[in-house]
Amino acid sequence: MLLAAYMVPHPPILLNEIGKGEEQKINKTKQAYEQIAKEIAKLRPDTILIFSPHAPSYRNYIAISSGDEAKGDFSQFHASQVSFHERYDKKLIEKIEKEAQIAKIPAGTLGDDAQLLDHGTMVPLYFIEKEYHDFEIVRIGVSDLDIDIQVTFGKCIAKAIKEMNQKIVVIASGDLSHRLKADGPYGYCEEGPVFDKEIVRIMKENDFDALQTINQSVLKECAQCGLPSFLMLTGILSQYAYRTRFLSYEGTFGVGYGICAIDIEKDPFVALAKMSLEHYVRYHTVLSSAFIPEKMNMPKAVFVSLHINNRLRGCIGTLAPMKKNVGEEIIANAISAGTRDPRFHAVRKEELHLIEYSVDILGDPEPASCDDDLDVKRYGVIVDDGLRRGVLLPDLEGVDTFDQQLRIALSKAGIDEADDFRIQRFEVIRHHEM
């Protein structure tokens, strides 16, 4: 089970023992690191999977560190007293390697059996282990393989994670451009800030697909080390619904340090709705039914509602099942809520990261009357006169009485209060974003 993921840099100067006061110049980065360490401690993962560009790496092969354990310290940075002793999650490593073989991805444990941990791995661990220790790790290096291969490998990892009965956090370790300032370690080039600006935008807007289309001339000149880690993370995230939280960016020393938290949607109904609309808007195709969990195989009526800044952005649903299962109902209605609600223009790609989702699974309608004790928090209402019909879901902000609920439903149907009409009520199970 994937709990969360994080994009982080790995400057050794961030450690008090190495920076000796200089770390205060990148205090936003330090504070963001301390925040995610506390978050990970609350999540209590069994395993932390770390992509590091400084782990053993090859041009045409993605190396997964093997063995029982690995040690490391910061003696290279004159701080040998800061040391680590980590256990590898051999079962997850084996599963990832197997999935890569099935997908014919050149990845596995055939590379150097390096027992020394690298600073791309140890800097994140430095902060995490101040808060939490009870985990094993998986360490994966980077490669120069084609972008689509790196992303596909991430999908293999996601499949392995889903088949493991354990809690997992992913860390994509990587600095941004090293060419932000003339007095920085690699000097200045105009492509450096361009690269960093795009990565920050991607972090803020959930737009990880854009990592695959960054201008090659920018990549050639900007001297970054994080993109391969981020591409493999992109492959993992493509199999989940998620929301990003941009935490910090600094380029004080001429190297870009960006930190982003990625929250995985835990509610499967909301996750499916979110993935369905995002997939349709980005790729103009319907999400595969392979993403429907087994628990959604029963037929049910569904409403999907979209909000931006607490304002309705779309709502479409059915009062009776129209598809063979609730999963297909969610996929269809999520797409319709975002693209076919006549009250709104179709959702644009730029809006996707702003949308909040709710999914209502409807119970069977039952007859009701104005004399019934209709609880607007518990029951939705259906009104119809044989030709026209109006529906209002329960527990809506600003709807506090049945009279209000009834008037709104009648207005939606175009039925006058003096006309003859039938009233039905229904209950829902509402799923919100977590």
Protein backbone atom coordinates (compact mmCIF):
# COMPACT_ATOMS: atom_id res chain seq x y z
CA MET A 1 0.00 0.00 0.00
CA LEU A 2 1.48 3.32 -1.06
CA LEU A 3 0.96 5.90 1.68
CA ALA A 4 2.72 8.96 0.27
CA ALA A 5 5.60 10.13 -1.87
CA TYR A 6 8.03 13.02 -1.69
CA MET A 7 10.34 14.89 -4.05
CA VAL A 8 13.39 16.11 -2.14
CA PRO A 9 16.92 17.45 -2.74
CA HIS A 10 20.03 16.07 -1.08
CA PRO A 11 22.47 18.86 -0.14
CA PRO A 12 24.84 17.58 2.57
CA ILE A 13 25.30 21.19 3.69
CA LEU A 14 21.76 20.94 5.05
CA LEU A 15 23.05 18.84 7.96
CA ASN A 16 24.09 20.83 11.03
CA GLU A 17 27.23 18.72 11.33
CA ILE A 18 28.32 19.69 7.82
CA GLY A 19 26.79 23.13 7.26
CA LYS A 20 28.04 24.48 10.61
CA GLY A 21 25.67 27.41 10.30
CA GLU A 22 25.57 27.66 6.51
CA GLU A 23 22.45 25.48 6.51
CA GLN A 24 20.54 28.46 7.90
CA LYS A 25 20.84 30.07 4.47
CA ILE A 26 18.51 27.37 3.15
CA ASN A 27 16.24 27.29 6.17
CA LYS A 28 13.05 26.87 4.11
CA THR A 29 14.46 23.63 2.74
CA LYS A 30 15.42 22.47 6.22
CA GLN A 31 12.00 23.27 7.65
CA ALA A 32 10.26 21.46 4.79
CA TYR A 33 12.47 18.41 5.37
CA GLU A 34 11.62 18.44 9.06
CA GLN A 35 7.93 18.63 8.18
CA ILE A 36 7.98 15.62 5.88
CA ALA A 37 10.01 13.65 8.42
CA LYS A 38 7.25 14.23 10.97
CA GLU A 39 4.63 13.24 8.38
CA ILE A 40 6.45 10.00 7.62
CA ALA A 41 6.72 9.23 11.33
CA LYS A 42 2.92 9.55 11.61
CA LEU A 43 2.43 7.27 8.60
CA ARG A 44 4.73 4.62 10.12
CA PRO A 45 5.71 2.91 6.84
CA ASP A 46 7.18 -0.57 6.79
CA THR A 47 9.41 0.34 3.86
CA ILE A 48 10.83 3.53 2.38
CA LEU A 49 11.76 3.25 -1.30
CA ILE A 50 14.38 5.81 -2.36
CA PHE A 51 15.40 6.77 -5.88
CA SER A 52 18.88 8.30 -5.78
CA PRO A 53 21.05 9.57 -8.66
CA HIS A 54 24.11 8.83 -6.52
CA ALA A 55 23.28 5.17 -5.89
CA PRO A 56 25.03 2.68 -8.22
CA SER A 57 23.87 3.66 -11.70
CA TYR A 58 24.38 2.58 -15.31
CA ARG A 59 23.53 4.06 -18.68
CA ASN A 60 21.37 1.16 -19.90
CA TYR A 61 20.33 -0.57 -16.68
CA ILE A 62 18.38 0.47 -13.57
CA ALA A 63 20.21 -0.93 -10.58
CA ILE A 64 18.34 -2.01 -7.46
CA SER A 65 20.70 -2.32 -4.50
CA SER A 66 20.75 -5.86 -3.12
CA GLY A 67 21.94 -7.74 -0.09
CA ASP A 68 20.69 -7.81 3.47
CA GLU A 69 21.85 -4.39 4.60
CA ALA A 70 23.97 -1.37 3.83
CA LYS A 71 25.92 1.18 5.83
CA GLY A 72 27.13 4.66 5.14
CA ASP A 73 28.37 7.90 6.66
CA PHE A 74 29.28 11.44 5.71
CA SER A 75 33.05 11.06 6.02
CA GLN A 76 33.32 12.37 2.45
CA PHE A 77 31.96 15.63 3.86
CA HIS A 78 34.08 15.55 7.03
CA ALA A 79 31.26 14.30 9.25
CA SER A 80 31.98 10.59 9.74
CA GLN A 81 30.11 10.70 13.04
CA VAL A 82 26.84 10.88 11.08
CA SER A 83 26.31 7.28 10.06
CA PHE A 84 23.56 4.91 8.95
CA HIS A 85 22.88 1.19 9.07
CA GLU A 86 19.87 0.18 6.98
CA ARG A 87 18.12 -3.12 6.25
CA TYR A 88 16.93 -3.84 2.72
CA ASP A 89 13.38 -5.04 2.06
CA LYS A 90 14.36 -8.14 0.12
CA LYS A 91 10.77 -9.23 -0.60
CA LEU A 92 9.82 -5.95 -2.24
CA ILE A 93 13.11 -5.88 -4.16
CA GLU A 94 12.40 -9.37 -5.47
CA LYS A 95 8.86 -8.39 -6.47
CA ILE A 96 10.00 -5.24 -8.29
CA GLU A 97 12.69 -7.19 -10.14
CA LYS A 98 10.13 -9.79 -11.20
CA GLU A 99 7.70 -7.15 -12.50
CA ALA A 100 10.52 -5.50 -14.44
CA GLN A 101 11.42 -8.82 -16.05
CA ILE A 102 7.79 -9.38 -17.07
CA ALA A 103 7.70 -5.90 -18.65
CA LYS A 104 11.13 -6.52 -20.25
CA ILE A 105 12.63 -3.51 -18.52
CA PRO A 106 16.43 -3.69 -18.00
CA ALA A 107 16.32 -3.33 -14.23
CA GLY A 108 17.27 -5.49 -11.28
CA THR A 109 20.01 -6.50 -8.87
CA LEU A 110 22.69 -7.52 -11.36
CA GLY A 111 24.83 -4.43 -10.83
CA ASP A 112 27.52 -3.80 -8.25
CA ASP A 113 26.59 -5.10 -4.81
CA ALA A 114 27.43 -1.74 -3.23
CA GLN A 115 27.27 -1.85 0.54
CA LEU A 116 27.95 1.86 1.05
CA LEU A 117 25.02 4.22 1.11
CA ASP A 118 25.24 7.41 -0.96
CA HIS A 119 24.43 10.96 0.13
CA GLY A 120 21.37 11.07 -2.15
CA THR A 121 19.96 8.36 0.11
CA MET A 122 21.43 9.46 3.41
CA VAL A 123 20.32 13.11 3.41
CA PRO A 124 16.61 12.12 3.41
CA LEU A 125 17.33 9.41 5.99
CA TYR A 126 19.10 11.95 8.23
CA PHE A 127 15.85 13.85 8.73
CA ILE A 128 13.52 10.85 8.72
CA GLU A 129 15.51 8.98 11.37
CA LYS A 130 15.29 11.90 13.75
CA GLU A 131 11.58 11.04 13.92
CA TYR A 132 11.19 7.37 12.94
CA HIS A 133 13.35 4.25 12.66
CA ASP A 134 11.16 1.19 12.26
CA PHE A 135 11.46 0.60 8.50
CA GLU A 136 13.45 -1.15 5.83
CA ILE A 137 14.58 0.48 2.61
CA VAL A 138 14.73 -0.17 -1.12
CA ARG A 139 17.40 1.86 -2.95
CA ILE A 140 17.22 2.34 -6.71
CA GLY A 141 19.73 4.12 -8.94
CA VAL A 142 19.11 6.03 -12.15
CA SER A 143 19.90 5.46 -15.82
CA ASP A 144 20.05 7.08 -19.25
CA LEU A 145 17.34 4.81 -20.61
CA ASP A 146 14.59 6.33 -22.74
CA ILE A 147 12.06 8.37 -20.80
CA ASP A 148 9.20 5.98 -21.55
CA ILE A 149 11.24 3.06 -20.19
CA GLN A 150 11.94 4.89 -16.94
CA VAL A 151 8.25 5.74 -16.55
CA THR A 152 7.24 2.16 -17.34
CA PHE A 153 9.63 0.92 -14.68
CA GLY A 154 7.81 3.17 -12.21
CA LYS A 155 4.58 1.45 -13.22
CA CYS A 156 6.24 -1.90 -12.49
CA ILE A 157 7.10 -0.64 -9.02
CA ALA A 158 3.50 0.47 -8.49
CA LYS A 159 2.26 -2.98 -9.44
CA ALA A 160 4.72 -4.57 -7.01
CA ILE A 161 3.64 -2.22 -4.23
CA LYS A 162 -0.04 -3.02 -4.77
CA GLU A 163 0.67 -6.73 -4.43
CA MET A 164 2.60 -6.34 -1.17
CA ASN A 165 0.82 -6.40 2.17
CA GLN A 166 2.80 -3.55 3.68
CA LYS A 167 2.86 0.23 4.01
CA ILE A 168 5.29 2.04 1.73
CA VAL A 169 6.56 5.60 1.25
CA VAL A 170 8.50 6.66 -1.85
CA ILE A 171 11.27 9.28 -1.85
CA ALA A 172 12.46 10.71 -5.18
CA SER A 173 15.82 12.26 -4.29
CA GLY A 174 17.27 14.77 -6.72
CA ASP A 175 18.58 18.31 -6.95
CA LEU A 176 17.33 20.66 -9.62
CA SER A 177 19.63 22.82 -11.77
CA HIS A 178 23.22 23.35 -10.59
CA ARG A 179 23.60 26.40 -12.84
CA LEU A 180 21.55 29.11 -11.21
CA LYS A 181 24.28 31.58 -10.25
CA ALA A 182 27.58 32.75 -11.70
CA ASP A 183 29.28 32.09 -8.37
CA GLY A 184 27.61 28.68 -7.97
CA PRO A 185 29.45 25.35 -8.38
CA TYR A 186 28.80 25.12 -12.12
CA GLY A 187 28.31 28.77 -13.05
CA TYR A 188 25.19 30.23 -14.64
CA CYS A 189 23.22 29.42 -17.76
CA GLU A 190 19.78 30.70 -18.69
CA GLU A 191 18.44 27.15 -18.97
CA GLY A 192 19.00 26.59 -15.24
CA PRO A 193 16.22 28.86 -13.96
CA VAL A 194 13.99 27.72 -16.84
CA PHE A 195 14.28 24.09 -15.70
CA ASP A 196 13.68 24.93 -12.05
CA LYS A 197 10.65 27.09 -12.84
CA GLU A 198 9.07 24.23 -14.77
CA ILE A 199 9.72 21.69 -12.00
CA VAL A 200 8.18 24.02 -9.42
CA ARG A 201 5.13 24.48 -11.68
CA ILE A 202 4.80 20.70 -12.02
CA MET A 203 5.00 20.33 -8.24
CA LYS A 204 2.29 22.94 -7.72
CA GLU A 205 -0.08 21.73 -10.45
CA ASN A 206 0.15 17.90 -10.22
CA ASP A 207 1.34 17.94 -13.83
CA PHE A 208 3.86 15.10 -13.69
CA ASP A 209 3.29 14.13 -17.31
CA ALA A 210 5.07 17.35 -18.27
CA LEU A 211 8.32 15.87 -16.94
CA GLN A 212 8.39 13.73 -20.07
CA THR A 213 8.33 16.68 -22.46
CA ILE A 214 10.86 19.12 -20.99
CA ASN A 215 12.87 20.74 -23.78
CA GLN A 216 15.98 18.69 -24.54
CA SER A 217 18.15 21.78 -25.00
CA VAL A 218 17.18 22.86 -21.48
CA LEU A 219 18.07 19.42 -20.08
CA LYS A 220 21.41 19.42 -21.89
CA GLU A 221 22.56 22.67 -20.29
CA CYS A 222 20.86 22.96 -16.89
CA ALA A 223 23.04 20.40 -15.04
CA GLN A 224 20.29 18.73 -13.02
CA CYS A 225 20.39 15.34 -11.32
CA GLY A 226 16.77 14.86 -10.22
CA LEU A 227 14.85 14.17 -13.40
CA PRO A 228 15.45 10.37 -13.60
CA SER A 229 14.21 9.96 -10.03
CA PHE A 230 11.18 12.10 -10.82
CA LEU A 231 10.41 10.14 -14.01
CA MET A 232 10.31 6.82 -12.16
CA LEU A 233 8.10 8.47 -9.54
CA THR A 234 5.84 9.64 -12.38
CA GLY A 235 5.35 6.03 -13.44
CA ILE A 236 4.33 5.08 -9.91
CA LEU A 237 1.92 8.00 -9.57
CA SER A 238 0.24 7.20 -12.89
CA GLN A 239 -1.35 4.24 -11.12
CA TYR A 240 -2.84 6.30 -8.27
CA ALA A 241 -5.00 9.32 -7.56
CA TYR A 242 -2.99 11.91 -5.68
CA ARG A 243 -2.66 15.56 -4.73
CA THR A 244 0.58 17.50 -4.45
CA ARG A 245 1.61 19.97 -1.77
CA PHE A 246 4.46 22.25 -2.82
CA LEU A 247 6.52 22.90 0.30
CA SER A 248 9.61 24.89 -0.65
CA TYR A 249 12.12 25.99 -3.25
CA GLU A 250 15.49 27.68 -2.77
CA GLY A 251 18.48 28.35 -5.01
CA THR A 252 20.67 30.19 -2.52
CA PHE A 253 23.90 28.38 -3.36
CA GLY A 254 23.32 28.26 -7.12
CA VAL A 255 21.70 24.81 -6.96
CA GLY A 256 17.92 24.35 -6.99
CA TYR A 257 16.40 22.61 -3.98
CA GLY A 258 12.70 21.81 -4.32
CA ILE A 259 10.50 19.85 -1.91
CA CYS A 260 7.05 18.53 -2.72
CA ALA A 261 4.74 16.18 -0.79
CA ILE A 262 2.41 13.88 -2.69
CA ASP A 263 -0.65 12.64 -0.81
CA ILE A 264 -2.17 9.41 -2.13
CA GLU A 265 -5.97 9.36 -2.10
CA LYS A 266 -7.01 6.63 0.32
CA ASP A 267 -10.73 6.41 -0.55
CA PRO A 268 -10.99 4.11 -3.60
CA PHE A 269 -14.26 5.66 -4.83
CA VAL A 270 -12.85 9.19 -4.83
CA ALA A 271 -9.57 7.93 -6.28
CA LEU A 272 -11.36 6.34 -9.23
CA ALA A 273 -13.38 9.50 -9.93
CA LYS A 274 -10.28 11.68 -9.79
CA MET A 275 -8.23 9.38 -12.02
CA SER A 276 -11.11 9.09 -14.50
CA LEU A 277 -11.58 12.81 -15.09
CA GLU A 278 -7.85 13.59 -15.08
CA HIS A 279 -7.14 10.80 -17.55
CA TYR A 280 -9.92 11.95 -19.87
CA VAL A 281 -8.89 15.61 -19.80
CA ARG A 282 -5.19 14.83 -20.31
CA TYR A 283 -5.43 12.03 -22.89
CA HIS A 284 -8.99 12.29 -24.31
CA THR A 285 -9.59 8.60 -23.63
CA VAL A 286 -11.65 6.75 -21.03
CA LEU A 287 -9.76 5.20 -18.12
CA SER A 288 -9.31 1.44 -18.41
CA SER A 289 -11.67 -0.72 -16.37
CA ALA A 290 -8.52 -2.45 -15.07
CA PHE A 291 -8.35 0.36 -12.48
CA ILE A 292 -11.71 -0.66 -10.98
CA PRO A 293 -11.20 -2.44 -7.63
CA GLU A 294 -12.93 -5.78 -7.12
CA LYS A 295 -15.07 -4.28 -4.34
CA MET A 296 -16.83 -2.13 -6.97
CA ASN A 297 -18.24 -4.97 -9.05
CA MET A 298 -21.86 -4.50 -7.88
CA PRO A 299 -24.25 -2.22 -9.82
CA LYS A 300 -25.19 1.02 -8.03
CA ALA A 301 -26.45 4.47 -8.91
CA VAL A 302 -23.79 7.16 -8.48
CA PHE A 303 -23.44 10.93 -8.39
CA VAL A 304 -20.02 12.58 -8.83
CA SER A 305 -19.65 16.18 -7.67
CA LEU A 306 -16.76 18.55 -8.38
CA HIS A 307 -15.91 21.69 -6.42
CA ILE A 308 -13.25 24.40 -6.73
CA ASN A 309 -12.79 26.68 -3.72
CA ASN A 310 -16.05 25.32 -2.24
CA ARG A 311 -18.00 26.32 -5.36
CA LEU A 312 -19.74 23.72 -7.50
CA ARG A 313 -17.83 22.98 -10.73
CA GLY A 314 -19.95 20.11 -11.99
CA CYS A 315 -22.30 17.37 -10.83
CA ILE A 316 -23.69 14.48 -12.84
CA GLY A 317 -25.27 11.24 -11.69
CA THR A 318 -27.83 8.52 -12.15
CA LEU A 319 -30.81 7.47 -10.05
CA ALA A 320 -30.56 3.86 -11.21
CA PRO A 321 -27.53 1.86 -12.36
CA MET A 322 -26.73 2.46 -16.04
CA LYS A 323 -23.51 0.45 -16.16
CA LYS A 324 -22.67 -3.10 -15.18
CA ASN A 325 -20.91 -2.05 -11.97
CA VAL A 326 -20.38 0.94 -9.70
CA GLY A 327 -16.81 1.39 -10.94
CA GLU A 328 -17.92 1.97 -14.52
CA GLU A 329 -20.67 4.24 -13.20
CA ILE A 330 -18.07 6.37 -11.39
CA ILE A 331 -15.82 6.56 -14.46
CA ALA A 332 -18.68 7.67 -16.72
CA ASN A 333 -20.17 10.17 -14.28
CA ALA A 334 -16.83 11.70 -13.30
CA ILE A 335 -16.11 12.41 -16.97
CA SER A 336 -19.62 13.78 -17.48
CA ALA A 337 -19.44 15.98 -14.38
CA GLY A 338 -16.26 17.55 -15.71
CA THR A 339 -17.15 17.83 -19.38
CA ARG A 340 -20.91 17.57 -19.92
CA ASP A 341 -22.66 19.47 -17.13
CA PRO A 342 -24.56 22.11 -19.16
CA ARG A 343 -24.15 24.68 -16.39
CA PHE A 344 -20.38 24.84 -16.85
CA HIS A 345 -17.74 24.84 -19.55
CA ALA A 346 -15.64 21.69 -19.76
CA VAL A 347 -12.86 21.35 -17.19
CA ARG A 348 -9.49 22.47 -18.51
CA LYS A 349 -6.19 20.76 -17.77
CA GLU A 350 -5.06 23.81 -15.81
CA GLU A 351 -7.96 23.35 -13.37
CA LEU A 352 -7.40 19.69 -12.52
CA HIS A 353 -5.18 20.32 -9.50
CA LEU A 354 -7.83 22.61 -7.99
CA ILE A 355 -10.79 20.22 -8.12
CA GLU A 356 -12.12 18.50 -5.01
CA TYR A 357 -14.20 15.37 -5.57
CA SER A 358 -17.08 13.69 -3.80
CA VAL A 359 -18.81 10.47 -4.82
CA ASP A 360 -22.31 9.59 -3.61
CA ILE A 361 -23.44 5.97 -3.83
CA LEU A 362 -27.24 6.06 -3.87
CA GLY A 363 -29.62 3.78 -2.06
CA ASP A 364 -32.93 2.75 -3.61
CA PRO A 365 -35.54 5.56 -3.77
CA GLU A 366 -38.65 5.14 -1.62
CA PRO A 367 -41.95 7.04 -1.58
CA ALA A 368 -42.19 10.05 0.71
CA SER A 369 -44.54 12.97 1.32
CA CYS A 370 -44.37 16.48 2.66
CA ASP A 371 -45.74 15.10 5.92
CA ASP A 372 -42.84 12.71 6.38
CA ASP A 373 -40.04 13.63 8.73
CA LEU A 374 -37.49 14.17 5.97
CA ASP A 375 -34.03 14.84 7.35
CA VAL A 376 -32.16 16.92 4.74
CA LYS A 377 -28.85 15.75 6.18
CA ARG A 378 -29.79 12.10 5.72
CA TYR A 379 -32.11 11.99 2.70
CA GLY A 380 -31.89 13.31 -0.83
CA VAL A 381 -35.12 14.05 -2.66
CA ILE A 382 -36.55 13.26 -6.11
CA VAL A 383 -39.58 15.09 -7.48
CA ASP A 384 -41.38 14.29 -10.72
CA ASP A 385 -44.71 14.97 -12.42
CA GLY A 386 -44.50 12.16 -14.94
CA LEU A 387 -42.67 14.26 -17.52
CA ARG A 388 -40.14 16.28 -15.56
CA ARG A 389 -37.84 15.29 -12.74
CA GLY A 390 -35.58 17.09 -10.29
CA VAL A 391 -33.04 15.66 -7.88
CA LEU A 392 -31.21 17.14 -4.90
CA LEU A 393 -28.58 15.29 -2.91
CA PRO A 394 -28.66 15.30 0.90
CA ASP A 395 -26.41 17.22 3.27
CA LEU A 396 -25.70 20.20 1.03
CA GLU A 397 -24.32 23.46 2.39
CA GLY A 398 -27.04 26.11 2.66
CA VAL A 399 -29.90 23.60 2.52
CA ASP A 400 -31.13 23.34 6.10
CA THR A 401 -34.83 22.47 5.85
CA PHE A 402 -37.00 20.14 3.80
CA ASP A 403 -38.92 23.14 2.41
CA GLN A 404 -35.67 24.52 1.00
CA GLN A 405 -34.73 21.12 -0.37
CA LEU A 406 -38.13 20.65 -2.00
CA ARG A 407 -38.18 24.13 -3.58
CA ILE A 408 -34.73 23.64 -5.11
CA ALA A 409 -35.61 20.20 -6.48
CA LEU A 410 -38.85 21.54 -7.98
CA SER A 411 -37.01 24.49 -9.51
CA LYS A 412 -34.45 22.16 -11.10
CA ALA A 413 -37.31 20.15 -12.61
CA GLY A 414 -39.25 23.20 -13.75
CA ILE A 415 -42.27 22.09 -11.71
CA ASP A 416 -44.47 24.66 -9.98
CA GLU A 417 -45.16 24.12 -6.28
CA ALA A 418 -48.90 24.23 -7.07
CA ASP A 419 -48.65 21.39 -9.59
CA ASP A 420 -49.24 17.72 -8.83
CA PHE A 421 -45.98 15.86 -8.31
CA ARG A 422 -44.55 12.82 -6.60
CA ILE A 423 -41.83 12.89 -3.92
CA GLN A 424 -39.28 10.14 -3.30
CA ARG A 425 -36.40 10.10 -0.88
CA PHE A 426 -33.10 8.24 -0.90
CA GLU A 427 -30.03 7.82 1.27
CA VAL A 428 -26.44 8.02 0.11
CA ILE A 429 -23.03 6.85 1.21
CA ARG A 430 -20.83 9.88 0.58
CA HIS A 431 -17.13 9.56 -0.15
CA HIS A 432 -14.99 12.70 0.24
CA GLU A 433 -11.35 13.32 -0.49
CA MET A 434 -9.31 12.38 2.55
